[in-house]
Amino acid sequence: RREKDWYPSLSFIRAIWRDAGARDSKFGATLADAYSFEDEESSAADVLREIMETSAPSPTIVARCILMLDIAKRSDESEALIQQYKQAFASEPDFAVAWVRHALRLKDREGLVEITKSPAIEKVRPSMAGLVYFNAGMMQQAIATADTLLKELRQREVPRRELDEIGRLFNQIDRWEEFEKVAKETYPSEVLADLRERLSLRPARRR
């Protein structure tokens, strides 16, 4: 028991689930989420791998397992899953995003170049694609993507995660001030200040 709250033993629940054959993939995914909520990503990944062994692997389960393995610093295992499933799942958005995040996290230029030649590049957000192009050394494609994103940013408000990716891309191609000028028209100053801090950028100079 925790203070004032009852808390179940995840290891006990996992043992019961395993003894039942670990065939209920939906319950297994919920159990993995519970482990992740407790910052036990390695255990979450192990549960997801058990699901893949007892049920037909889905793009979502494989993608989630790749993410948990990466967070748990078991990147060799996540890379092995990518190599195993990239032919079958490259066109699936969940898997494509997991693959891109893995390659960006490891700064795997060879892997990023492979992604640009794969259907996966068409299944991720343009902001993610731009980061892939830049880190793969494809500057022309990265700049073209950034130009398109800047036009879209003037026309609509994007979700916070996408804004972060756009800001990161413009920072990498040395066009942060251009991005910030446009973003200020829509987003509160504290949102941009927070993004600046996470990108380790200095505050803008007053003119």
N, C-alpha and C. Protein backbone atom coordinates (compact mmCIF):
# COMPACT_ATOMS: atom_id res chain seq x y z
N ARG A 1 0.83 -1.21 0.00
CA ARG A 1 0.00 0.00 0.00
C ARG A 1 0.86 1.25 0.00
N ARG A 2 0.43 2.22 -0.75
CA ARG A 2 1.05 3.53 -0.67
C ARG A 2 0.22 4.38 0.28
N GLU A 3 0.75 5.52 0.62
CA GLU A 3 0.05 6.39 1.55
C GLU A 3 -1.31 6.77 0.97
N LYS A 4 -2.37 6.36 1.65
CA LYS A 4 -3.77 6.67 1.31
C LYS A 4 -4.28 5.97 0.05
N ASP A 5 -3.39 5.35 -0.70
CA ASP A 5 -3.81 4.73 -1.96
C ASP A 5 -3.42 3.27 -1.99
N TRP A 6 -4.36 2.44 -2.47
CA TRP A 6 -4.02 1.05 -2.70
C TRP A 6 -3.35 0.94 -4.05
N TYR A 7 -2.30 0.15 -4.12
CA TYR A 7 -1.58 0.00 -5.38
C TYR A 7 -1.34 -1.49 -5.65
N PRO A 8 -1.73 -1.97 -6.82
CA PRO A 8 -1.58 -3.40 -7.11
C PRO A 8 -0.13 -3.76 -7.39
N SER A 9 0.21 -5.01 -7.16
CA SER A 9 1.53 -5.52 -7.48
C SER A 9 1.56 -5.91 -8.95
N LEU A 10 2.28 -5.13 -9.74
CA LEU A 10 2.32 -5.40 -11.17
C LEU A 10 2.98 -6.75 -11.47
N SER A 11 3.98 -7.11 -10.68
CA SER A 11 4.65 -8.39 -10.90
C SER A 11 3.68 -9.56 -10.64
N PHE A 12 2.81 -9.41 -9.63
CA PHE A 12 1.82 -10.44 -9.34
C PHE A 12 0.81 -10.55 -10.48
N ILE A 13 0.32 -9.39 -10.96
CA ILE A 13 -0.63 -9.39 -12.07
C ILE A 13 0.02 -9.99 -13.32
N ARG A 14 1.27 -9.62 -13.54
CA ARG A 14 1.99 -10.14 -14.72
C ARG A 14 2.13 -11.66 -14.64
N ALA A 15 2.39 -12.18 -13.45
CA ALA A 15 2.54 -13.63 -13.28
C ALA A 15 1.23 -14.35 -13.61
N ILE A 16 0.11 -13.76 -13.16
CA ILE A 16 -1.20 -14.37 -13.45
C ILE A 16 -1.47 -14.34 -14.95
N TRP A 17 -1.19 -13.19 -15.57
CA TRP A 17 -1.39 -13.03 -17.02
C TRP A 17 -0.54 -14.05 -17.79
N ARG A 18 0.71 -14.22 -17.36
CA ARG A 18 1.60 -15.16 -18.03
C ARG A 18 1.11 -16.59 -17.84
N ASP A 19 0.66 -16.93 -16.62
CA ASP A 19 0.17 -18.28 -16.36
C ASP A 19 -1.07 -18.61 -17.18
N ALA A 20 -1.81 -17.55 -17.55
CA ALA A 20 -3.00 -17.74 -18.38
C ALA A 20 -2.64 -17.85 -19.85
N GLY A 21 -1.36 -17.83 -20.15
CA GLY A 21 -0.91 -17.99 -21.53
C GLY A 21 -0.47 -16.71 -22.21
N ALA A 22 -0.63 -15.57 -21.51
CA ALA A 22 -0.24 -14.27 -22.06
C ALA A 22 -0.86 -14.02 -23.43
N ARG A 23 -2.06 -14.55 -23.62
CA ARG A 23 -2.70 -14.44 -24.94
C ARG A 23 -3.66 -13.25 -25.04
N ASP A 24 -3.97 -12.64 -23.93
CA ASP A 24 -4.85 -11.47 -23.97
C ASP A 24 -3.97 -10.24 -24.24
N SER A 25 -3.80 -9.91 -25.51
CA SER A 25 -2.89 -8.83 -25.89
C SER A 25 -3.37 -7.47 -25.39
N LYS A 26 -4.69 -7.28 -25.35
CA LYS A 26 -5.22 -6.01 -24.88
C LYS A 26 -4.87 -5.79 -23.41
N PHE A 27 -5.04 -6.84 -22.59
CA PHE A 27 -4.69 -6.73 -21.18
C PHE A 27 -3.18 -6.56 -21.03
N GLY A 28 -2.41 -7.28 -21.84
CA GLY A 28 -0.96 -7.16 -21.78
C GLY A 28 -0.51 -5.75 -22.10
N ALA A 29 -1.14 -5.12 -23.09
CA ALA A 29 -0.79 -3.74 -23.44
C ALA A 29 -1.12 -2.79 -22.29
N THR A 30 -2.22 -3.04 -21.61
CA THR A 30 -2.58 -2.23 -20.44
C THR A 30 -1.55 -2.40 -19.33
N LEU A 31 -1.10 -3.64 -19.14
CA LEU A 31 -0.08 -3.92 -18.13
C LEU A 31 1.23 -3.21 -18.48
N ALA A 32 1.59 -3.22 -19.76
CA ALA A 32 2.80 -2.51 -20.20
C ALA A 32 2.68 -1.02 -19.94
N ASP A 33 1.50 -0.46 -20.19
CA ASP A 33 1.28 0.97 -19.91
C ASP A 33 1.44 1.26 -18.42
N ALA A 34 0.98 0.33 -17.58
CA ALA A 34 1.11 0.52 -16.14
C ALA A 34 2.57 0.53 -15.72
N TYR A 35 3.36 -0.36 -16.29
CA TYR A 35 4.80 -0.37 -16.01
C TYR A 35 5.44 0.95 -16.47
N SER A 36 5.05 1.41 -17.65
CA SER A 36 5.60 2.65 -18.18
C SER A 36 5.24 3.83 -17.29
N PHE A 37 4.03 3.83 -16.77
CA PHE A 37 3.57 4.90 -15.87
C PHE A 37 4.43 4.95 -14.61
N GLU A 38 4.95 3.79 -14.21
CA GLU A 38 5.81 3.70 -13.03
C GLU A 38 7.30 3.85 -13.38
N ASP A 39 7.57 4.31 -14.61
CA ASP A 39 8.95 4.49 -15.08
C ASP A 39 9.73 3.18 -15.09
N GLU A 40 9.03 2.10 -15.36
CA GLU A 40 9.67 0.79 -15.49
C GLU A 40 9.58 0.35 -16.95
N GLU A 41 10.21 1.15 -17.81
CA GLU A 41 10.11 0.91 -19.25
C GLU A 41 10.70 -0.43 -19.67
N SER A 42 11.74 -0.89 -18.97
CA SER A 42 12.33 -2.17 -19.33
C SER A 42 11.33 -3.31 -19.13
N SER A 43 10.60 -3.27 -18.02
CA SER A 43 9.56 -4.28 -17.77
C SER A 43 8.43 -4.14 -18.78
N ALA A 44 8.08 -2.91 -19.12
CA ALA A 44 7.04 -2.67 -20.13
C ALA A 44 7.45 -3.31 -21.45
N ALA A 45 8.71 -3.12 -21.84
CA ALA A 45 9.20 -3.71 -23.09
C ALA A 45 9.13 -5.23 -23.05
N ASP A 46 9.47 -5.80 -21.90
CA ASP A 46 9.44 -7.27 -21.78
C ASP A 46 8.03 -7.80 -21.94
N VAL A 47 7.06 -7.11 -21.36
CA VAL A 47 5.65 -7.52 -21.51
C VAL A 47 5.24 -7.44 -22.97
N LEU A 48 5.62 -6.36 -23.65
CA LEU A 48 5.26 -6.20 -25.06
C LEU A 48 5.91 -7.28 -25.92
N ARG A 49 7.11 -7.69 -25.56
CA ARG A 49 7.77 -8.75 -26.30
C ARG A 49 7.04 -10.08 -26.08
N GLU A 50 6.54 -10.28 -24.89
CA GLU A 50 5.76 -11.50 -24.61
C GLU A 50 4.49 -11.51 -25.46
N ILE A 51 3.86 -10.34 -25.60
CA ILE A 51 2.66 -10.25 -26.44
C ILE A 51 3.00 -10.67 -27.87
N MET A 52 4.14 -10.20 -28.37
CA MET A 52 4.55 -10.52 -29.74
C MET A 52 4.83 -12.00 -29.92
N GLU A 53 5.22 -12.66 -28.84
CA GLU A 53 5.52 -14.09 -28.92
C GLU A 53 4.26 -14.95 -28.90
N THR A 54 3.20 -14.44 -28.26
CA THR A 54 1.99 -15.25 -28.10
C THR A 54 0.85 -14.81 -29.00
N SER A 55 0.96 -13.63 -29.61
CA SER A 55 -0.08 -13.12 -30.50
C SER A 55 0.58 -12.60 -31.78
N ALA A 56 -0.22 -12.37 -32.79
CA ALA A 56 0.32 -11.82 -34.03
C ALA A 56 0.79 -10.39 -33.76
N PRO A 57 2.07 -10.08 -34.02
CA PRO A 57 2.59 -8.74 -33.74
C PRO A 57 1.86 -7.69 -34.57
N SER A 58 1.43 -6.63 -33.93
CA SER A 58 0.79 -5.52 -34.63
C SER A 58 1.78 -4.37 -34.72
N PRO A 59 1.61 -3.48 -35.72
CA PRO A 59 2.51 -2.32 -35.82
C PRO A 59 2.53 -1.48 -34.55
N THR A 60 1.39 -1.34 -33.90
CA THR A 60 1.31 -0.52 -32.69
C THR A 60 2.10 -1.15 -31.55
N ILE A 61 1.95 -2.46 -31.35
CA ILE A 61 2.67 -3.14 -30.27
C ILE A 61 4.17 -3.11 -30.53
N VAL A 62 4.58 -3.37 -31.77
CA VAL A 62 6.01 -3.34 -32.10
C VAL A 62 6.58 -1.94 -31.90
N ALA A 63 5.84 -0.94 -32.35
CA ALA A 63 6.30 0.45 -32.21
C ALA A 63 6.44 0.83 -30.74
N ARG A 64 5.46 0.43 -29.94
CA ARG A 64 5.51 0.73 -28.51
C ARG A 64 6.71 0.04 -27.86
N CYS A 65 6.98 -1.17 -28.28
CA CYS A 65 8.11 -1.92 -27.72
C CYS A 65 9.44 -1.24 -28.09
N ILE A 66 9.55 -0.78 -29.32
CA ILE A 66 10.76 -0.06 -29.74
C ILE A 66 10.99 1.15 -28.86
N LEU A 67 9.93 1.92 -28.60
CA LEU A 67 10.04 3.10 -27.77
C LEU A 67 10.48 2.75 -26.35
N MET A 68 9.84 1.73 -25.75
CA MET A 68 10.18 1.34 -24.39
C MET A 68 11.63 0.84 -24.30
N LEU A 69 12.06 0.07 -25.29
CA LEU A 69 13.44 -0.42 -25.29
C LEU A 69 14.43 0.72 -25.40
N ASP A 70 14.12 1.70 -26.22
CA ASP A 70 15.02 2.85 -26.35
C ASP A 70 15.12 3.63 -25.05
N ILE A 71 13.98 3.86 -24.41
CA ILE A 71 14.00 4.60 -23.14
C ILE A 71 14.79 3.81 -22.09
N ALA A 72 14.66 2.48 -22.15
CA ALA A 72 15.36 1.62 -21.20
C ALA A 72 16.83 1.42 -21.58
N LYS A 73 17.28 2.10 -22.61
CA LYS A 73 18.67 2.02 -23.09
C LYS A 73 19.03 0.61 -23.53
N ARG A 74 18.07 -0.01 -24.19
CA ARG A 74 18.29 -1.33 -24.79
C ARG A 74 18.19 -1.19 -26.31
N SER A 75 18.96 -0.25 -26.82
CA SER A 75 18.85 0.15 -28.23
C SER A 75 19.20 -0.97 -29.20
N ASP A 76 20.09 -1.87 -28.81
CA ASP A 76 20.42 -2.98 -29.70
C ASP A 76 19.19 -3.84 -29.97
N GLU A 77 18.36 -4.01 -28.94
CA GLU A 77 17.15 -4.82 -29.10
C GLU A 77 16.11 -4.10 -29.94
N SER A 78 15.98 -2.78 -29.73
CA SER A 78 15.02 -2.02 -30.54
C SER A 78 15.46 -2.00 -32.00
N GLU A 79 16.77 -1.89 -32.24
CA GLU A 79 17.29 -1.94 -33.61
C GLU A 79 16.98 -3.28 -34.25
N ALA A 80 17.11 -4.35 -33.48
CA ALA A 80 16.81 -5.69 -34.00
C ALA A 80 15.33 -5.81 -34.40
N LEU A 81 14.45 -5.22 -33.59
CA LEU A 81 13.02 -5.24 -33.93
C LEU A 81 12.75 -4.46 -35.21
N ILE A 82 13.42 -3.32 -35.35
CA ILE A 82 13.24 -2.51 -36.57
C ILE A 82 13.67 -3.31 -37.80
N GLN A 83 14.82 -3.96 -37.71
CA GLN A 83 15.30 -4.74 -38.83
C GLN A 83 14.36 -5.91 -39.14
N GLN A 84 13.76 -6.46 -38.11
CA GLN A 84 12.86 -7.60 -38.28
C GLN A 84 11.54 -7.21 -38.95
N TYR A 85 11.04 -6.02 -38.62
CA TYR A 85 9.69 -5.66 -39.05
C TYR A 85 9.61 -4.52 -40.06
N LYS A 86 10.73 -3.93 -40.45
CA LYS A 86 10.65 -2.74 -41.31
C LYS A 86 10.05 -3.03 -42.69
N GLN A 87 10.27 -4.22 -43.21
CA GLN A 87 9.69 -4.54 -44.51
C GLN A 87 8.16 -4.66 -44.42
N ALA A 88 7.69 -5.25 -43.35
CA ALA A 88 6.25 -5.48 -43.20
C ALA A 88 5.50 -4.24 -42.76
N PHE A 89 6.14 -3.40 -41.91
CA PHE A 89 5.41 -2.32 -41.25
C PHE A 89 5.86 -0.91 -41.63
N ALA A 90 6.74 -0.75 -42.60
CA ALA A 90 7.26 0.58 -42.93
C ALA A 90 6.16 1.56 -43.33
N SER A 91 5.06 1.05 -43.86
CA SER A 91 3.96 1.92 -44.30
C SER A 91 2.95 2.19 -43.20
N GLU A 92 3.19 1.66 -42.00
CA GLU A 92 2.29 1.87 -40.87
C GLU A 92 2.77 3.07 -40.05
N PRO A 93 1.92 4.07 -39.84
CA PRO A 93 2.35 5.31 -39.15
C PRO A 93 3.00 5.08 -37.79
N ASP A 94 2.43 4.22 -36.95
CA ASP A 94 3.00 4.00 -35.60
C ASP A 94 4.43 3.48 -35.70
N PHE A 95 4.63 2.50 -36.56
CA PHE A 95 5.96 1.93 -36.72
C PHE A 95 6.92 2.95 -37.32
N ALA A 96 6.44 3.70 -38.32
CA ALA A 96 7.30 4.70 -38.97
C ALA A 96 7.80 5.73 -37.98
N VAL A 97 6.91 6.21 -37.11
CA VAL A 97 7.30 7.20 -36.10
C VAL A 97 8.32 6.62 -35.14
N ALA A 98 8.10 5.38 -34.70
CA ALA A 98 9.05 4.74 -33.78
C ALA A 98 10.41 4.57 -34.44
N TRP A 99 10.42 4.19 -35.69
CA TRP A 99 11.66 4.01 -36.44
C TRP A 99 12.43 5.34 -36.55
N VAL A 100 11.70 6.39 -36.91
CA VAL A 100 12.33 7.71 -37.05
C VAL A 100 12.88 8.19 -35.72
N ARG A 101 12.11 8.08 -34.66
CA ARG A 101 12.58 8.54 -33.35
C ARG A 101 13.83 7.77 -32.91
N HIS A 102 13.83 6.48 -33.18
CA HIS A 102 14.99 5.65 -32.84
C HIS A 102 16.23 6.14 -33.58
N ALA A 103 16.09 6.33 -34.89
CA ALA A 103 17.24 6.76 -35.70
C ALA A 103 17.72 8.15 -35.32
N LEU A 104 16.78 9.06 -35.02
CA LEU A 104 17.16 10.41 -34.60
C LEU A 104 17.84 10.38 -33.23
N ARG A 105 17.32 9.55 -32.33
CA ARG A 105 17.90 9.46 -30.98
C ARG A 105 19.36 8.98 -31.04
N LEU A 106 19.61 8.02 -31.91
CA LEU A 106 20.95 7.46 -32.03
C LEU A 106 21.84 8.23 -33.01
N LYS A 107 21.23 9.22 -33.70
CA LYS A 107 21.94 9.97 -34.74
C LYS A 107 22.56 9.00 -35.75
N ASP A 108 21.74 8.03 -36.13
CA ASP A 108 22.15 6.98 -37.05
C ASP A 108 21.96 7.45 -38.49
N ARG A 109 23.01 8.06 -39.05
CA ARG A 109 22.89 8.65 -40.38
C ARG A 109 22.54 7.61 -41.44
N GLU A 110 23.15 6.45 -41.35
CA GLU A 110 22.85 5.40 -42.32
C GLU A 110 21.39 4.98 -42.24
N GLY A 111 20.89 4.85 -41.00
CA GLY A 111 19.49 4.49 -40.82
C GLY A 111 18.55 5.58 -41.31
N LEU A 112 18.93 6.84 -41.10
CA LEU A 112 18.10 7.96 -41.54
C LEU A 112 18.03 8.04 -43.06
N VAL A 113 19.16 7.79 -43.71
CA VAL A 113 19.17 7.76 -45.18
C VAL A 113 18.25 6.65 -45.68
N GLU A 114 18.28 5.51 -45.00
CA GLU A 114 17.41 4.40 -45.39
C GLU A 114 15.94 4.80 -45.26
N ILE A 115 15.62 5.53 -44.20
CA ILE A 115 14.23 5.96 -43.99
C ILE A 115 13.76 6.86 -45.13
N THR A 116 14.65 7.73 -45.64
CA THR A 116 14.26 8.63 -46.74
C THR A 116 13.92 7.87 -48.01
N LYS A 117 14.39 6.63 -48.12
CA LYS A 117 14.11 5.81 -49.29
C LYS A 117 13.00 4.81 -49.03
N SER A 118 12.43 4.89 -47.83
CA SER A 118 11.41 3.94 -47.40
C SER A 118 10.03 4.61 -47.40
N PRO A 119 8.95 3.82 -47.50
CA PRO A 119 7.60 4.39 -47.37
C PRO A 119 7.38 5.09 -46.02
N ALA A 120 8.24 4.79 -45.05
CA ALA A 120 8.09 5.38 -43.72
C ALA A 120 8.16 6.91 -43.75
N ILE A 121 8.95 7.48 -44.65
CA ILE A 121 9.12 8.93 -44.68
C ILE A 121 7.81 9.64 -45.01
N GLU A 122 6.92 8.95 -45.70
CA GLU A 122 5.63 9.54 -46.07
C GLU A 122 4.59 9.37 -44.97
N LYS A 123 4.91 8.61 -43.93
CA LYS A 123 3.94 8.31 -42.88
C LYS A 123 4.17 9.10 -41.61
N VAL A 124 5.20 9.94 -41.57
CA VAL A 124 5.46 10.75 -40.38
C VAL A 124 5.11 12.21 -40.67
N ARG A 125 4.98 12.99 -39.60
CA ARG A 125 4.68 14.41 -39.76
C ARG A 125 5.78 15.08 -40.59
N PRO A 126 5.43 16.11 -41.38
CA PRO A 126 6.44 16.83 -42.15
C PRO A 126 7.58 17.36 -41.29
N SER A 127 7.26 17.76 -40.06
CA SER A 127 8.31 18.27 -39.16
C SER A 127 9.32 17.17 -38.83
N MET A 128 8.83 15.94 -38.63
CA MET A 128 9.73 14.81 -38.39
C MET A 128 10.53 14.49 -39.63
N ALA A 129 9.85 14.54 -40.78
CA ALA A 129 10.54 14.27 -42.04
C ALA A 129 11.66 15.27 -42.28
N GLY A 130 11.41 16.54 -41.95
CA GLY A 130 12.44 17.55 -42.10
C GLY A 130 13.66 17.26 -41.26
N LEU A 131 13.44 16.81 -40.03
CA LEU A 131 14.56 16.45 -39.15
C LEU A 131 15.33 15.25 -39.70
N VAL A 132 14.59 14.31 -40.30
CA VAL A 132 15.25 13.16 -40.92
C VAL A 132 16.14 13.63 -42.06
N TYR A 133 15.60 14.47 -42.94
CA TYR A 133 16.38 14.96 -44.08
C TYR A 133 17.64 15.69 -43.62
N PHE A 134 17.49 16.56 -42.63
CA PHE A 134 18.65 17.33 -42.17
C PHE A 134 19.72 16.40 -41.60
N ASN A 135 19.31 15.50 -40.73
CA ASN A 135 20.28 14.63 -40.07
C ASN A 135 20.82 13.54 -40.99
N ALA A 136 20.16 13.35 -42.14
CA ALA A 136 20.67 12.43 -43.14
C ALA A 136 21.61 13.15 -44.11
N GLY A 137 21.78 14.46 -43.90
CA GLY A 137 22.66 15.23 -44.76
C GLY A 137 22.02 15.70 -46.04
N MET A 138 20.68 15.64 -46.11
CA MET A 138 19.95 16.06 -47.31
C MET A 138 19.41 17.46 -47.10
N MET A 139 20.30 18.44 -47.17
CA MET A 139 19.98 19.82 -46.80
C MET A 139 18.91 20.44 -47.70
N GLN A 140 18.97 20.17 -48.98
CA GLN A 140 18.00 20.74 -49.90
C GLN A 140 16.58 20.32 -49.54
N GLN A 141 16.40 19.04 -49.25
CA GLN A 141 15.07 18.54 -48.87
C GLN A 141 14.64 19.10 -47.52
N ALA A 142 15.59 19.25 -46.60
CA ALA A 142 15.27 19.80 -45.27
C ALA A 142 14.80 21.24 -45.40
N ILE A 143 15.46 22.03 -46.22
CA ILE A 143 15.09 23.44 -46.40
C ILE A 143 13.72 23.55 -47.08
N ALA A 144 13.49 22.71 -48.09
CA ALA A 144 12.20 22.73 -48.78
C ALA A 144 11.07 22.38 -47.82
N THR A 145 11.30 21.40 -46.96
CA THR A 145 10.30 21.02 -45.95
C THR A 145 10.06 22.16 -44.98
N ALA A 146 11.13 22.83 -44.55
CA ALA A 146 11.02 23.95 -43.61
C ALA A 146 10.22 25.09 -44.23
N ASP A 147 10.44 25.37 -45.50
CA ASP A 147 9.69 26.45 -46.17
C ASP A 147 8.19 26.15 -46.18
N THR A 148 7.86 24.90 -46.47
CA THR A 148 6.44 24.49 -46.47
C THR A 148 5.84 24.61 -45.07
N LEU A 149 6.59 24.19 -44.07
CA LEU A 149 6.12 24.25 -42.69
C LEU A 149 5.89 25.69 -42.25
N LEU A 150 6.75 26.60 -42.69
CA LEU A 150 6.60 28.00 -42.31
C LEU A 150 5.30 28.58 -42.89
N LYS A 151 4.97 28.20 -44.11
CA LYS A 151 3.72 28.65 -44.72
C LYS A 151 2.52 28.11 -43.94
N GLU A 152 2.59 26.83 -43.55
CA GLU A 152 1.49 26.22 -42.81
C GLU A 152 1.35 26.85 -41.43
N LEU A 153 2.48 27.21 -40.83
CA LEU A 153 2.46 27.80 -39.50
C LEU A 153 1.74 29.15 -39.51
N ARG A 154 1.79 29.84 -40.62
CA ARG A 154 1.08 31.12 -40.77
C ARG A 154 -0.43 30.92 -40.91
N GLN A 155 -0.82 29.70 -41.31
CA GLN A 155 -2.23 29.45 -41.62
C GLN A 155 -2.98 28.71 -40.52
N ARG A 156 -2.27 27.97 -39.68
CA ARG A 156 -2.95 27.18 -38.66
C ARG A 156 -2.08 27.00 -37.43
N GLU A 157 -2.75 26.72 -36.32
CA GLU A 157 -2.03 26.43 -35.08
C GLU A 157 -1.77 24.94 -35.02
N VAL A 158 -0.53 24.57 -34.75
CA VAL A 158 -0.17 23.15 -34.73
C VAL A 158 -0.05 22.68 -33.29
N PRO A 159 -0.20 21.38 -33.05
CA PRO A 159 -0.05 20.84 -31.69
C PRO A 159 1.34 21.11 -31.14
N ARG A 160 1.46 21.09 -29.82
CA ARG A 160 2.71 21.46 -29.16
C ARG A 160 3.89 20.59 -29.60
N ARG A 161 3.68 19.28 -29.71
CA ARG A 161 4.79 18.40 -30.10
C ARG A 161 5.27 18.76 -31.50
N GLU A 162 4.33 19.03 -32.39
CA GLU A 162 4.72 19.38 -33.76
C GLU A 162 5.45 20.72 -33.78
N LEU A 163 5.00 21.66 -32.96
CA LEU A 163 5.68 22.96 -32.88
C LEU A 163 7.11 22.77 -32.40
N ASP A 164 7.31 21.91 -31.43
CA ASP A 164 8.66 21.63 -30.93
C ASP A 164 9.55 21.09 -32.04
N GLU A 165 9.01 20.17 -32.83
CA GLU A 165 9.80 19.60 -33.92
C GLU A 165 10.13 20.64 -34.97
N ILE A 166 9.16 21.51 -35.28
CA ILE A 166 9.41 22.57 -36.26
C ILE A 166 10.50 23.51 -35.75
N GLY A 167 10.39 23.89 -34.47
CA GLY A 167 11.40 24.76 -33.89
C GLY A 167 12.77 24.13 -33.91
N ARG A 168 12.83 22.83 -33.62
CA ARG A 168 14.11 22.12 -33.62
C ARG A 168 14.71 22.09 -35.03
N LEU A 169 13.84 21.89 -36.03
CA LEU A 169 14.32 21.88 -37.41
C LEU A 169 14.88 23.24 -37.81
N PHE A 170 14.14 24.31 -37.50
CA PHE A 170 14.61 25.65 -37.87
C PHE A 170 15.87 26.02 -37.12
N ASN A 171 16.01 25.53 -35.91
CA ASN A 171 17.24 25.78 -35.16
C ASN A 171 18.42 25.07 -35.83
N GLN A 172 18.20 23.84 -36.29
CA GLN A 172 19.27 23.07 -36.90
C GLN A 172 19.71 23.65 -38.24
N ILE A 173 18.78 24.25 -38.97
CA ILE A 173 19.16 24.83 -40.27
C ILE A 173 19.48 26.32 -40.14
N ASP A 174 19.67 26.78 -38.89
CA ASP A 174 20.07 28.16 -38.59
C ASP A 174 19.06 29.19 -39.08
N ARG A 175 17.77 28.88 -38.86
CA ARG A 175 16.71 29.84 -39.24
C ARG A 175 15.73 30.03 -38.07
N TRP A 176 16.26 29.94 -36.85
CA TRP A 176 15.40 30.04 -35.67
C TRP A 176 14.66 31.36 -35.61
N GLU A 177 15.34 32.48 -35.86
CA GLU A 177 14.71 33.80 -35.73
C GLU A 177 13.53 33.94 -36.69
N GLU A 178 13.65 33.36 -37.86
CA GLU A 178 12.56 33.38 -38.84
C GLU A 178 11.36 32.60 -38.32
N PHE A 179 11.63 31.43 -37.75
CA PHE A 179 10.57 30.62 -37.15
C PHE A 179 9.92 31.36 -35.99
N GLU A 180 10.73 31.93 -35.11
CA GLU A 180 10.21 32.60 -33.92
C GLU A 180 9.33 33.79 -34.28
N LYS A 181 9.71 34.52 -35.30
CA LYS A 181 8.94 35.69 -35.73
C LYS A 181 7.52 35.28 -36.15
N VAL A 182 7.43 34.18 -36.89
CA VAL A 182 6.12 33.70 -37.33
C VAL A 182 5.34 33.09 -36.17
N ALA A 183 6.02 32.30 -35.34
CA ALA A 183 5.35 31.63 -34.22
C ALA A 183 4.79 32.62 -33.21
N LYS A 184 5.45 33.76 -33.05
CA LYS A 184 4.98 34.77 -32.08
C LYS A 184 3.60 35.30 -32.42
N GLU A 185 3.21 35.18 -33.67
CA GLU A 185 1.90 35.68 -34.09
C GLU A 185 0.76 34.83 -33.55
N THR A 186 1.09 33.59 -33.15
CA THR A 186 0.05 32.64 -32.73
C THR A 186 0.23 32.13 -31.31
N TYR A 187 1.48 31.94 -30.89
CA TYR A 187 1.73 31.26 -29.62
C TYR A 187 2.19 32.24 -28.54
N PRO A 188 1.80 31.98 -27.28
CA PRO A 188 2.24 32.83 -26.15
C PRO A 188 3.75 32.84 -26.03
N SER A 189 4.29 33.91 -25.51
CA SER A 189 5.73 34.05 -25.39
C SER A 189 6.33 32.98 -24.49
N GLU A 190 5.56 32.53 -23.46
CA GLU A 190 6.10 31.52 -22.55
C GLU A 190 6.29 30.16 -23.25
N VAL A 191 5.45 29.89 -24.26
CA VAL A 191 5.62 28.64 -25.02
C VAL A 191 6.93 28.66 -25.78
N LEU A 192 7.23 29.78 -26.42
CA LEU A 192 8.48 29.89 -27.16
C LEU A 192 9.68 29.96 -26.23
N ALA A 193 9.50 30.60 -25.07
CA ALA A 193 10.60 30.66 -24.09
C ALA A 193 10.94 29.25 -23.59
N ASP A 194 9.90 28.44 -23.37
CA ASP A 194 10.12 27.07 -22.91
C ASP A 194 10.84 26.25 -23.99
N LEU A 195 10.45 26.47 -25.24
CA LEU A 195 11.09 25.76 -26.34
C LEU A 195 12.55 26.20 -26.47
N ARG A 196 12.79 27.49 -26.30
CA ARG A 196 14.16 28.01 -26.34
C ARG A 196 15.03 27.32 -25.28
N GLU A 197 14.47 27.19 -24.10
CA GLU A 197 15.23 26.59 -23.00
C GLU A 197 15.57 25.14 -23.30
N ARG A 198 14.60 24.40 -23.84
CA ARG A 198 14.84 22.99 -24.14
C ARG A 198 15.83 22.81 -25.28
N LEU A 199 15.92 23.80 -26.15
CA LEU A 199 16.89 23.75 -27.24
C LEU A 199 18.20 24.42 -26.87
N SER A 200 18.26 24.87 -25.60
CA SER A 200 19.48 25.53 -25.08
C SER A 200 19.86 26.76 -25.91
N LEU A 201 18.84 27.55 -26.28
CA LEU A 201 19.07 28.77 -27.02
C LEU A 201 19.11 29.96 -26.09
N ARG A 202 19.90 30.95 -26.41
CA ARG A 202 19.94 32.16 -25.62
C ARG A 202 18.68 32.99 -25.86
N PRO A 203 18.24 33.77 -24.87
CA PRO A 203 17.09 34.65 -25.09
C PRO A 203 17.35 35.61 -26.23
N ALA A 204 16.30 35.95 -26.93
CA ALA A 204 16.43 36.87 -28.05
C ALA A 204 16.89 38.24 -27.56
N ARG A 205 17.75 38.88 -28.31
CA ARG A 205 18.22 40.23 -27.92
C ARG A 205 17.17 41.26 -28.28
N ARG A 206 16.98 42.20 -27.40
CA ARG A 206 16.03 43.29 -27.66
C ARG A 206 16.62 44.27 -28.65
N ARG A 207 15.80 44.75 -29.55
CA ARG A 207 16.27 45.71 -30.56
C ARG A 207 15.54 47.03 -30.39
